[in-house]
Amino acid sequence: MLNEIELEQLRYPIGRYQRLSVIDETQIQEWKNDIAALPMLLKSAVAELTEANIEIPYRAGGWNVRQITHHLADSHINAYVRFKLALTEENPTIKPYLQDRWSDLQDAQHAPLAWSLMLLEGVHQRWGMVLDTMRLEDYQRTFVHPEFKEALRLDFTLGLYAWHGKHHLTQIVNFKERYGV
């Protein structure tokens, strides 16, 4: 039986996202690089896994590798849309989604990983193009997330999704190490 600290380390292997008080151009570029690298890193991480492997939860009560992979595509599609909304509207209110319910749908339960790997690659290419054309002041644009009840800046959001990709990628890598796959 795992204690609370061990469970927290399994759940958040790189720690929880920490909001930075100052975000500069160097930090933004690092996050953009993280976004660009994720699709290939994820593809590599899942490449050798069997169908049986991807059905095993990464931790007790957690998602399996299939669900994590499909979740990354779902989540990052939403992030890309949120960026586009914030860049084209004044402080729009976005539509949240219930990620746990999405992970219970048939596509997240049964679709091949390749489908979400292709989606993630395409979304990250398009998102990267948008990010590369943004000026520093564009990162101060905002959207409202109803759950947070505050305007979220795009620089914060970029950091959150860079962390999000690393977070789930590390869950998969750690899973592979624990199970020797």
N, C-alpha and C. Protein backbone atom coordinates (compact mmCIF):
# COMPACT_ATOMS: atom_id res chain seq x y z
N MET A 1 0.84 -1.18 0.00
CA MET A 1 0.00 0.00 0.00
C MET A 1 0.89 1.24 0.00
N LEU A 2 0.58 2.19 -0.88
CA LEU A 2 1.37 3.41 -0.99
C LEU A 2 0.93 4.44 0.03
N ASN A 3 1.91 5.17 0.57
CA ASN A 3 1.56 6.27 1.46
C ASN A 3 1.23 7.50 0.61
N GLU A 4 0.78 8.58 1.23
CA GLU A 4 0.33 9.77 0.50
C GLU A 4 1.45 10.38 -0.33
N ILE A 5 2.66 10.39 0.17
CA ILE A 5 3.79 10.98 -0.56
C ILE A 5 4.11 10.15 -1.80
N GLU A 6 4.12 8.83 -1.66
CA GLU A 6 4.39 7.96 -2.81
C GLU A 6 3.29 8.08 -3.87
N LEU A 7 2.04 8.17 -3.42
CA LEU A 7 0.93 8.33 -4.36
C LEU A 7 1.05 9.67 -5.10
N GLU A 8 1.40 10.71 -4.39
CA GLU A 8 1.59 12.03 -5.00
C GLU A 8 2.71 11.99 -6.04
N GLN A 9 3.80 11.27 -5.74
CA GLN A 9 4.91 11.16 -6.68
C GLN A 9 4.52 10.37 -7.93
N LEU A 10 3.69 9.35 -7.77
CA LEU A 10 3.19 8.61 -8.94
C LEU A 10 2.26 9.48 -9.78
N ARG A 11 1.39 10.18 -9.10
CA ARG A 11 0.40 11.02 -9.79
C ARG A 11 1.03 12.23 -10.45
N TYR A 12 1.97 12.86 -9.79
CA TYR A 12 2.63 14.07 -10.28
C TYR A 12 4.14 13.87 -10.28
N PRO A 13 4.65 13.05 -11.19
CA PRO A 13 6.08 12.67 -11.14
C PRO A 13 7.05 13.83 -11.36
N ILE A 14 6.58 14.93 -11.95
CA ILE A 14 7.46 16.10 -12.09
C ILE A 14 6.98 17.23 -11.18
N GLY A 15 6.09 16.91 -10.26
CA GLY A 15 5.51 17.90 -9.37
C GLY A 15 4.30 18.56 -10.01
N ARG A 16 3.56 19.28 -9.22
CA ARG A 16 2.40 20.02 -9.72
C ARG A 16 2.89 21.27 -10.44
N TYR A 17 2.07 21.78 -11.34
CA TYR A 17 2.45 22.98 -12.08
C TYR A 17 2.60 24.15 -11.12
N GLN A 18 3.71 24.85 -11.25
CA GLN A 18 3.98 26.03 -10.43
C GLN A 18 3.87 27.29 -11.29
N ARG A 19 2.99 28.17 -10.92
CA ARG A 19 2.81 29.43 -11.64
C ARG A 19 4.00 30.33 -11.36
N LEU A 20 4.66 30.79 -12.41
CA LEU A 20 5.80 31.69 -12.26
C LEU A 20 5.30 33.12 -12.11
N SER A 21 5.98 33.90 -11.27
CA SER A 21 5.57 35.29 -11.09
C SER A 21 6.06 36.17 -12.25
N VAL A 22 7.18 35.78 -12.87
CA VAL A 22 7.73 36.52 -14.01
C VAL A 22 7.97 35.53 -15.14
N ILE A 23 7.44 35.86 -16.31
CA ILE A 23 7.64 35.02 -17.48
C ILE A 23 8.29 35.90 -18.55
N ASP A 24 9.51 35.53 -18.95
CA ASP A 24 10.22 36.32 -19.93
C ASP A 24 10.32 35.58 -21.28
N GLU A 25 10.95 36.22 -22.26
CA GLU A 25 11.06 35.63 -23.59
C GLU A 25 11.81 34.31 -23.58
N THR A 26 12.82 34.19 -22.73
CA THR A 26 13.59 32.96 -22.64
C THR A 26 12.70 31.81 -22.16
N GLN A 27 11.88 32.09 -21.15
CA GLN A 27 10.97 31.06 -20.63
C GLN A 27 9.94 30.67 -21.68
N ILE A 28 9.40 31.65 -22.38
CA ILE A 28 8.42 31.37 -23.43
C ILE A 28 9.03 30.48 -24.50
N GLN A 29 10.27 30.77 -24.90
CA GLN A 29 10.93 29.95 -25.92
C GLN A 29 11.14 28.52 -25.43
N GLU A 30 11.50 28.36 -24.17
CA GLU A 30 11.68 27.02 -23.61
C GLU A 30 10.36 26.24 -23.67
N TRP A 31 9.27 26.90 -23.32
CA TRP A 31 7.96 26.24 -23.36
C TRP A 31 7.55 25.92 -24.78
N LYS A 32 7.83 26.83 -25.72
CA LYS A 32 7.53 26.55 -27.13
C LYS A 32 8.30 25.32 -27.61
N ASN A 33 9.55 25.21 -27.18
CA ASN A 33 10.35 24.03 -27.53
C ASN A 33 9.75 22.76 -26.95
N ASP A 34 9.26 22.84 -25.72
CA ASP A 34 8.60 21.69 -25.09
C ASP A 34 7.37 21.26 -25.88
N ILE A 35 6.57 22.24 -26.29
CA ILE A 35 5.37 21.95 -27.08
C ILE A 35 5.77 21.28 -28.39
N ALA A 36 6.78 21.81 -29.06
CA ALA A 36 7.22 21.26 -30.34
C ALA A 36 7.75 19.83 -30.20
N ALA A 37 8.42 19.54 -29.10
CA ALA A 37 9.07 18.23 -28.92
C ALA A 37 8.11 17.13 -28.48
N LEU A 38 7.02 17.47 -27.84
CA LEU A 38 6.15 16.46 -27.23
C LEU A 38 5.69 15.36 -28.18
N PRO A 39 5.17 15.66 -29.37
CA PRO A 39 4.66 14.57 -30.21
C PRO A 39 5.68 13.47 -30.49
N MET A 40 6.91 13.84 -30.80
CA MET A 40 7.91 12.82 -31.10
C MET A 40 8.36 12.08 -29.84
N LEU A 41 8.45 12.79 -28.72
CA LEU A 41 8.82 12.14 -27.46
C LEU A 41 7.75 11.13 -27.05
N LEU A 42 6.49 11.50 -27.21
CA LEU A 42 5.40 10.59 -26.86
C LEU A 42 5.40 9.39 -27.80
N LYS A 43 5.55 9.64 -29.08
CA LYS A 43 5.59 8.56 -30.06
C LYS A 43 6.69 7.56 -29.71
N SER A 44 7.85 8.07 -29.35
CA SER A 44 8.97 7.21 -28.96
C SER A 44 8.66 6.44 -27.67
N ALA A 45 8.03 7.10 -26.72
CA ALA A 45 7.74 6.47 -25.42
C ALA A 45 6.78 5.30 -25.55
N VAL A 46 5.84 5.38 -26.50
CA VAL A 46 4.84 4.32 -26.61
C VAL A 46 5.16 3.31 -27.72
N ALA A 47 6.23 3.55 -28.46
CA ALA A 47 6.52 2.76 -29.66
C ALA A 47 6.61 1.26 -29.42
N GLU A 48 7.22 0.83 -28.37
CA GLU A 48 7.46 -0.59 -28.14
C GLU A 48 6.41 -1.27 -27.26
N LEU A 49 5.40 -0.51 -26.85
CA LEU A 49 4.39 -1.09 -25.97
C LEU A 49 3.42 -1.98 -26.74
N THR A 50 3.03 -3.06 -26.11
CA THR A 50 2.06 -3.97 -26.72
C THR A 50 0.64 -3.52 -26.36
N GLU A 51 -0.34 -4.11 -27.02
CA GLU A 51 -1.74 -3.82 -26.69
C GLU A 51 -2.02 -4.13 -25.22
N ALA A 52 -1.44 -5.21 -24.73
CA ALA A 52 -1.64 -5.56 -23.31
C ALA A 52 -1.02 -4.50 -22.40
N ASN A 53 0.19 -4.01 -22.75
CA ASN A 53 0.86 -2.99 -21.94
C ASN A 53 0.03 -1.72 -21.82
N ILE A 54 -0.56 -1.28 -22.93
CA ILE A 54 -1.24 0.01 -22.91
C ILE A 54 -2.58 -0.02 -22.19
N GLU A 55 -3.01 -1.21 -21.78
CA GLU A 55 -4.25 -1.34 -21.02
C GLU A 55 -4.02 -1.32 -19.51
N ILE A 56 -2.77 -1.33 -19.09
CA ILE A 56 -2.44 -1.34 -17.66
C ILE A 56 -2.43 0.10 -17.14
N PRO A 57 -3.16 0.39 -16.07
CA PRO A 57 -3.10 1.75 -15.50
C PRO A 57 -1.68 2.06 -15.03
N TYR A 58 -1.28 3.31 -15.21
CA TYR A 58 0.07 3.71 -14.80
C TYR A 58 0.21 3.70 -13.27
N ARG A 59 -0.94 3.77 -12.57
CA ARG A 59 -0.99 3.64 -11.11
C ARG A 59 -2.38 3.13 -10.75
N ALA A 60 -2.53 2.58 -9.57
CA ALA A 60 -3.85 2.11 -9.12
C ALA A 60 -4.83 3.28 -9.15
N GLY A 61 -5.95 3.08 -9.82
CA GLY A 61 -6.96 4.12 -9.91
C GLY A 61 -6.69 5.16 -10.98
N GLY A 62 -5.59 5.00 -11.70
CA GLY A 62 -5.23 5.98 -12.73
C GLY A 62 -5.59 5.51 -14.13
N TRP A 63 -5.35 6.37 -15.08
CA TRP A 63 -5.60 6.03 -16.47
C TRP A 63 -4.54 5.06 -16.98
N ASN A 64 -4.86 4.35 -18.04
CA ASN A 64 -3.85 3.52 -18.70
C ASN A 64 -3.17 4.35 -19.80
N VAL A 65 -2.17 3.76 -20.42
CA VAL A 65 -1.39 4.49 -21.42
C VAL A 65 -2.26 4.92 -22.60
N ARG A 66 -3.21 4.09 -22.99
CA ARG A 66 -4.13 4.46 -24.08
C ARG A 66 -4.90 5.73 -23.71
N GLN A 67 -5.47 5.74 -22.51
CA GLN A 67 -6.25 6.91 -22.08
C GLN A 67 -5.37 8.15 -21.96
N ILE A 68 -4.16 8.00 -21.44
CA ILE A 68 -3.25 9.14 -21.32
C ILE A 68 -2.94 9.71 -22.69
N THR A 69 -2.64 8.84 -23.64
CA THR A 69 -2.29 9.30 -24.99
C THR A 69 -3.46 10.03 -25.64
N HIS A 70 -4.65 9.45 -25.55
CA HIS A 70 -5.82 10.10 -26.13
C HIS A 70 -6.16 11.40 -25.38
N HIS A 71 -5.95 11.40 -24.06
CA HIS A 71 -6.18 12.61 -23.27
C HIS A 71 -5.24 13.74 -23.72
N LEU A 72 -3.99 13.42 -23.97
CA LEU A 72 -3.06 14.45 -24.42
C LEU A 72 -3.55 15.10 -25.72
N ALA A 73 -4.01 14.29 -26.65
CA ALA A 73 -4.53 14.85 -27.90
C ALA A 73 -5.76 15.71 -27.62
N ASP A 74 -6.71 15.19 -26.85
CA ASP A 74 -7.92 15.94 -26.53
C ASP A 74 -7.59 17.28 -25.85
N SER A 75 -6.73 17.21 -24.85
CA SER A 75 -6.39 18.38 -24.07
C SER A 75 -5.67 19.43 -24.90
N HIS A 76 -4.74 18.99 -25.72
CA HIS A 76 -3.94 19.95 -26.47
C HIS A 76 -4.71 20.52 -27.66
N ILE A 77 -5.69 19.78 -28.17
CA ILE A 77 -6.60 20.37 -29.16
C ILE A 77 -7.37 21.52 -28.50
N ASN A 78 -7.85 21.28 -27.30
CA ASN A 78 -8.55 22.34 -26.57
C ASN A 78 -7.64 23.53 -26.30
N ALA A 79 -6.39 23.27 -25.95
CA ALA A 79 -5.44 24.37 -25.69
C ALA A 79 -5.21 25.21 -26.94
N TYR A 80 -5.04 24.54 -28.07
CA TYR A 80 -4.84 25.24 -29.34
C TYR A 80 -6.05 26.14 -29.64
N VAL A 81 -7.24 25.62 -29.46
CA VAL A 81 -8.45 26.41 -29.70
C VAL A 81 -8.52 27.59 -28.72
N ARG A 82 -8.14 27.37 -27.49
CA ARG A 82 -8.16 28.45 -26.49
C ARG A 82 -7.21 29.57 -26.89
N PHE A 83 -6.04 29.20 -27.41
CA PHE A 83 -5.10 30.22 -27.89
C PHE A 83 -5.72 31.02 -29.03
N LYS A 84 -6.32 30.33 -29.98
CA LYS A 84 -6.90 31.01 -31.13
C LYS A 84 -8.06 31.93 -30.70
N LEU A 85 -8.87 31.47 -29.76
CA LEU A 85 -9.94 32.31 -29.25
C LEU A 85 -9.38 33.57 -28.59
N ALA A 86 -8.38 33.40 -27.74
CA ALA A 86 -7.80 34.54 -27.02
C ALA A 86 -7.10 35.51 -27.97
N LEU A 87 -6.58 35.02 -29.07
CA LEU A 87 -5.90 35.89 -30.03
C LEU A 87 -6.88 36.62 -30.95
N THR A 88 -8.09 36.14 -31.03
CA THR A 88 -9.04 36.74 -31.98
C THR A 88 -10.25 37.38 -31.31
N GLU A 89 -10.41 37.21 -30.02
CA GLU A 89 -11.53 37.80 -29.28
C GLU A 89 -10.98 38.47 -28.03
N GLU A 90 -11.77 39.36 -27.46
CA GLU A 90 -11.36 40.02 -26.22
C GLU A 90 -11.81 39.21 -25.01
N ASN A 91 -10.86 38.60 -24.34
CA ASN A 91 -11.10 37.87 -23.10
C ASN A 91 -12.31 36.92 -23.19
N PRO A 92 -12.32 36.00 -24.17
CA PRO A 92 -13.47 35.11 -24.32
C PRO A 92 -13.58 34.13 -23.16
N THR A 93 -14.79 33.71 -22.88
CA THR A 93 -15.01 32.64 -21.92
C THR A 93 -14.99 31.33 -22.70
N ILE A 94 -14.11 30.44 -22.30
CA ILE A 94 -13.97 29.17 -23.01
C ILE A 94 -14.91 28.13 -22.42
N LYS A 95 -15.10 27.09 -23.16
CA LYS A 95 -15.93 25.97 -22.71
C LYS A 95 -15.00 24.91 -22.13
N PRO A 96 -15.11 24.63 -20.84
CA PRO A 96 -14.32 23.53 -20.28
C PRO A 96 -14.89 22.19 -20.72
N TYR A 97 -14.16 21.14 -20.45
CA TYR A 97 -14.66 19.80 -20.77
C TYR A 97 -14.34 18.88 -19.60
N LEU A 98 -15.10 17.83 -19.46
CA LEU A 98 -14.94 16.89 -18.35
C LEU A 98 -14.00 15.78 -18.80
N GLN A 99 -12.71 15.97 -18.53
CA GLN A 99 -11.70 15.05 -19.05
C GLN A 99 -11.89 13.61 -18.58
N ASP A 100 -12.35 13.40 -17.38
CA ASP A 100 -12.58 12.03 -16.92
C ASP A 100 -13.68 11.34 -17.72
N ARG A 101 -14.71 12.10 -18.06
CA ARG A 101 -15.78 11.53 -18.88
C ARG A 101 -15.31 11.28 -20.31
N TRP A 102 -14.48 12.19 -20.82
CA TRP A 102 -13.93 12.00 -22.17
C TRP A 102 -13.10 10.71 -22.19
N SER A 103 -12.38 10.44 -21.11
CA SER A 103 -11.52 9.24 -21.08
C SER A 103 -12.33 7.95 -20.99
N ASP A 104 -13.61 8.07 -20.65
CA ASP A 104 -14.49 6.91 -20.60
C ASP A 104 -15.20 6.63 -21.93
N LEU A 105 -15.10 7.55 -22.88
CA LEU A 105 -15.75 7.34 -24.17
C LEU A 105 -15.02 6.27 -24.98
N GLN A 106 -15.72 5.71 -25.94
CA GLN A 106 -15.19 4.58 -26.71
C GLN A 106 -13.87 4.88 -27.41
N ASP A 107 -13.71 6.09 -27.95
CA ASP A 107 -12.47 6.38 -28.65
C ASP A 107 -11.28 6.36 -27.69
N ALA A 108 -11.46 6.89 -26.49
CA ALA A 108 -10.37 6.88 -25.51
C ALA A 108 -10.11 5.49 -24.95
N GLN A 109 -11.13 4.64 -24.99
CA GLN A 109 -11.01 3.28 -24.46
C GLN A 109 -10.45 2.29 -25.49
N HIS A 110 -10.69 2.54 -26.80
CA HIS A 110 -10.38 1.50 -27.78
C HIS A 110 -9.62 1.95 -29.03
N ALA A 111 -9.57 3.23 -29.32
CA ALA A 111 -8.92 3.68 -30.55
C ALA A 111 -7.41 3.42 -30.50
N PRO A 112 -6.82 3.13 -31.64
CA PRO A 112 -5.36 2.94 -31.69
C PRO A 112 -4.63 4.21 -31.25
N LEU A 113 -3.50 4.04 -30.60
CA LEU A 113 -2.69 5.18 -30.17
C LEU A 113 -2.29 6.04 -31.37
N ALA A 114 -2.06 5.40 -32.51
CA ALA A 114 -1.60 6.11 -33.70
C ALA A 114 -2.53 7.26 -34.07
N TRP A 115 -3.82 7.09 -33.85
CA TRP A 115 -4.76 8.15 -34.21
C TRP A 115 -4.49 9.43 -33.41
N SER A 116 -4.27 9.28 -32.11
CA SER A 116 -4.01 10.46 -31.28
C SER A 116 -2.58 10.97 -31.48
N LEU A 117 -1.66 10.08 -31.79
CA LEU A 117 -0.29 10.54 -32.07
C LEU A 117 -0.29 11.43 -33.31
N MET A 118 -1.06 11.04 -34.34
CA MET A 118 -1.16 11.86 -35.55
C MET A 118 -1.86 13.19 -35.25
N LEU A 119 -2.94 13.14 -34.49
CA LEU A 119 -3.65 14.37 -34.10
C LEU A 119 -2.72 15.31 -33.35
N LEU A 120 -2.02 14.77 -32.37
CA LEU A 120 -1.13 15.58 -31.55
C LEU A 120 -0.04 16.23 -32.40
N GLU A 121 0.53 15.45 -33.33
CA GLU A 121 1.57 16.00 -34.19
C GLU A 121 1.02 17.15 -35.03
N GLY A 122 -0.14 16.95 -35.64
CA GLY A 122 -0.74 18.00 -36.46
C GLY A 122 -1.12 19.23 -35.66
N VAL A 123 -1.74 19.02 -34.52
CA VAL A 123 -2.13 20.16 -33.67
C VAL A 123 -0.90 20.92 -33.21
N HIS A 124 0.15 20.21 -32.82
CA HIS A 124 1.35 20.89 -32.34
C HIS A 124 2.06 21.63 -33.47
N GLN A 125 1.99 21.12 -34.69
CA GLN A 125 2.57 21.85 -35.82
C GLN A 125 1.81 23.15 -36.04
N ARG A 126 0.49 23.06 -36.06
CA ARG A 126 -0.33 24.27 -36.26
C ARG A 126 -0.15 25.23 -35.08
N TRP A 127 -0.20 24.71 -33.87
CA TRP A 127 -0.04 25.53 -32.67
C TRP A 127 1.33 26.20 -32.68
N GLY A 128 2.35 25.44 -33.07
CA GLY A 128 3.70 25.99 -33.16
C GLY A 128 3.78 27.15 -34.13
N MET A 129 3.08 27.05 -35.24
CA MET A 129 3.07 28.15 -36.21
C MET A 129 2.44 29.40 -35.59
N VAL A 130 1.35 29.20 -34.85
CA VAL A 130 0.71 30.33 -34.17
C VAL A 130 1.68 30.92 -33.14
N LEU A 131 2.29 30.07 -32.34
CA LEU A 131 3.21 30.53 -31.30
C LEU A 131 4.39 31.29 -31.90
N ASP A 132 4.89 30.81 -33.02
CA ASP A 132 6.05 31.46 -33.65
C ASP A 132 5.73 32.83 -34.23
N THR A 133 4.45 33.11 -34.48
CA THR A 133 4.08 34.42 -35.03
C THR A 133 3.60 35.38 -33.95
N MET A 134 3.48 34.91 -32.72
CA MET A 134 3.02 35.77 -31.63
C MET A 134 4.13 36.70 -31.18
N ARG A 135 3.74 37.93 -30.87
CA ARG A 135 4.67 38.89 -30.27
C ARG A 135 4.60 38.72 -28.74
N LEU A 136 5.56 39.25 -28.05
CA LEU A 136 5.59 39.11 -26.59
C LEU A 136 4.30 39.64 -25.96
N GLU A 137 3.78 40.75 -26.45
CA GLU A 137 2.55 41.32 -25.87
C GLU A 137 1.33 40.43 -26.12
N ASP A 138 1.37 39.61 -27.18
CA ASP A 138 0.26 38.69 -27.44
C ASP A 138 0.10 37.67 -26.32
N TYR A 139 1.18 37.33 -25.65
CA TYR A 139 1.12 36.35 -24.56
C TYR A 139 0.40 36.90 -23.33
N GLN A 140 0.13 38.20 -23.32
CA GLN A 140 -0.61 38.79 -22.21
C GLN A 140 -2.11 38.78 -22.47
N ARG A 141 -2.52 38.36 -23.65
CA ARG A 141 -3.94 38.23 -23.95
C ARG A 141 -4.53 37.14 -23.06
N THR A 142 -5.82 37.19 -22.85
CA THR A 142 -6.45 36.32 -21.85
C THR A 142 -7.71 35.65 -22.37
N PHE A 143 -8.08 34.62 -21.64
CA PHE A 143 -9.40 34.00 -21.78
C PHE A 143 -9.86 33.67 -20.37
N VAL A 144 -11.16 33.48 -20.23
CA VAL A 144 -11.72 33.14 -18.92
C VAL A 144 -12.07 31.66 -18.92
N HIS A 145 -11.55 30.98 -17.91
CA HIS A 145 -11.90 29.57 -17.71
C HIS A 145 -12.90 29.54 -16.56
N PRO A 146 -14.15 29.10 -16.81
CA PRO A 146 -15.18 29.16 -15.77
C PRO A 146 -14.81 28.45 -14.46
N GLU A 147 -14.00 27.41 -14.53
CA GLU A 147 -13.63 26.69 -13.29
C GLU A 147 -12.69 27.53 -12.43
N PHE A 148 -11.82 28.33 -13.06
CA PHE A 148 -10.86 29.13 -12.32
C PHE A 148 -11.43 30.49 -11.93
N LYS A 149 -12.48 30.91 -12.64
CA LYS A 149 -13.16 32.18 -12.37
C LYS A 149 -12.19 33.37 -12.42
N GLU A 150 -11.25 33.29 -13.35
CA GLU A 150 -10.31 34.38 -13.55
C GLU A 150 -9.84 34.37 -14.99
N ALA A 151 -9.32 35.51 -15.42
CA ALA A 151 -8.73 35.60 -16.75
C ALA A 151 -7.34 34.96 -16.71
N LEU A 152 -7.12 34.02 -17.62
CA LEU A 152 -5.82 33.34 -17.68
C LEU A 152 -5.04 33.88 -18.87
N ARG A 153 -3.81 34.28 -18.62
CA ARG A 153 -2.96 34.80 -19.70
C ARG A 153 -2.39 33.66 -20.53
N LEU A 154 -2.11 33.97 -21.79
CA LEU A 154 -1.57 32.96 -22.68
C LEU A 154 -0.16 32.52 -22.29
N ASP A 155 0.64 33.40 -21.70
CA ASP A 155 1.97 32.95 -21.26
C ASP A 155 1.84 31.90 -20.15
N PHE A 156 0.96 32.14 -19.18
CA PHE A 156 0.69 31.15 -18.14
C PHE A 156 0.20 29.85 -18.77
N THR A 157 -0.73 29.97 -19.72
CA THR A 157 -1.34 28.80 -20.36
C THR A 157 -0.31 28.00 -21.15
N LEU A 158 0.60 28.68 -21.83
CA LEU A 158 1.67 27.99 -22.55
C LEU A 158 2.50 27.17 -21.57
N GLY A 159 2.86 27.76 -20.45
CA GLY A 159 3.62 27.03 -19.43
C GLY A 159 2.86 25.85 -18.88
N LEU A 160 1.57 26.03 -18.67
CA LEU A 160 0.73 24.95 -18.15
C LEU A 160 0.72 23.76 -19.10
N TYR A 161 0.57 24.02 -20.40
CA TYR A 161 0.51 22.91 -21.35
C TYR A 161 1.88 22.31 -21.65
N ALA A 162 2.94 23.10 -21.54
CA ALA A 162 4.29 22.52 -21.64
C ALA A 162 4.49 21.55 -20.48
N TRP A 163 4.09 21.99 -19.27
CA TRP A 163 4.16 21.12 -18.09
C TRP A 163 3.26 19.90 -18.29
N HIS A 164 2.06 20.10 -18.80
CA HIS A 164 1.08 19.03 -18.96
C HIS A 164 1.64 17.90 -19.83
N GLY A 165 2.27 18.27 -20.93
CA GLY A 165 2.87 17.26 -21.79
C GLY A 165 3.96 16.48 -21.09
N LYS A 166 4.85 17.19 -20.41
CA LYS A 166 5.94 16.52 -19.67
C LYS A 166 5.38 15.64 -18.55
N HIS A 167 4.37 16.14 -17.89
CA HIS A 167 3.73 15.42 -16.77
C HIS A 167 3.23 14.04 -17.23
N HIS A 168 2.44 14.01 -18.30
CA HIS A 168 1.90 12.73 -18.77
C HIS A 168 2.96 11.87 -19.45
N LEU A 169 3.88 12.48 -20.15
CA LEU A 169 4.98 11.73 -20.75
C LEU A 169 5.78 11.02 -19.65
N THR A 170 6.05 11.71 -18.57
CA THR A 170 6.81 11.11 -17.46
C THR A 170 6.02 10.01 -16.79
N GLN A 171 4.70 10.14 -16.71
CA GLN A 171 3.89 9.04 -16.17
C GLN A 171 4.10 7.78 -17.01
N ILE A 172 4.11 7.93 -18.33
CA ILE A 172 4.29 6.77 -19.21
C ILE A 172 5.69 6.20 -19.08
N VAL A 173 6.70 7.06 -19.08
CA VAL A 173 8.09 6.60 -18.95
C VAL A 173 8.29 5.88 -17.62
N ASN A 174 7.77 6.44 -16.54
CA ASN A 174 7.89 5.81 -15.23
C ASN A 174 7.14 4.47 -15.18
N PHE A 175 5.97 4.42 -15.81
CA PHE A 175 5.20 3.17 -15.92
C PHE A 175 6.06 2.09 -16.58
N LYS A 176 6.70 2.44 -17.69
CA LYS A 176 7.53 1.48 -18.41
C LYS A 176 8.67 0.98 -17.53
N GLU A 177 9.29 1.86 -16.78
CA GLU A 177 10.38 1.47 -15.89
C GLU A 177 9.87 0.55 -14.78
N ARG A 178 8.73 0.89 -14.18
CA ARG A 178 8.18 0.09 -13.08
C ARG A 178 7.82 -1.32 -13.53
N TYR A 179 7.27 -1.43 -14.75
CA TYR A 179 6.80 -2.73 -15.26
C TYR A 179 7.82 -3.41 -16.16
N GLY A 180 8.96 -2.76 -16.39
CA GLY A 180 9.99 -3.36 -17.21
C GLY A 180 9.57 -3.59 -18.66
N VAL A 181 8.80 -2.68 -19.20
CA VAL A 181 8.34 -2.81 -20.60
C VAL A 181 8.97 -1.74 -21.48
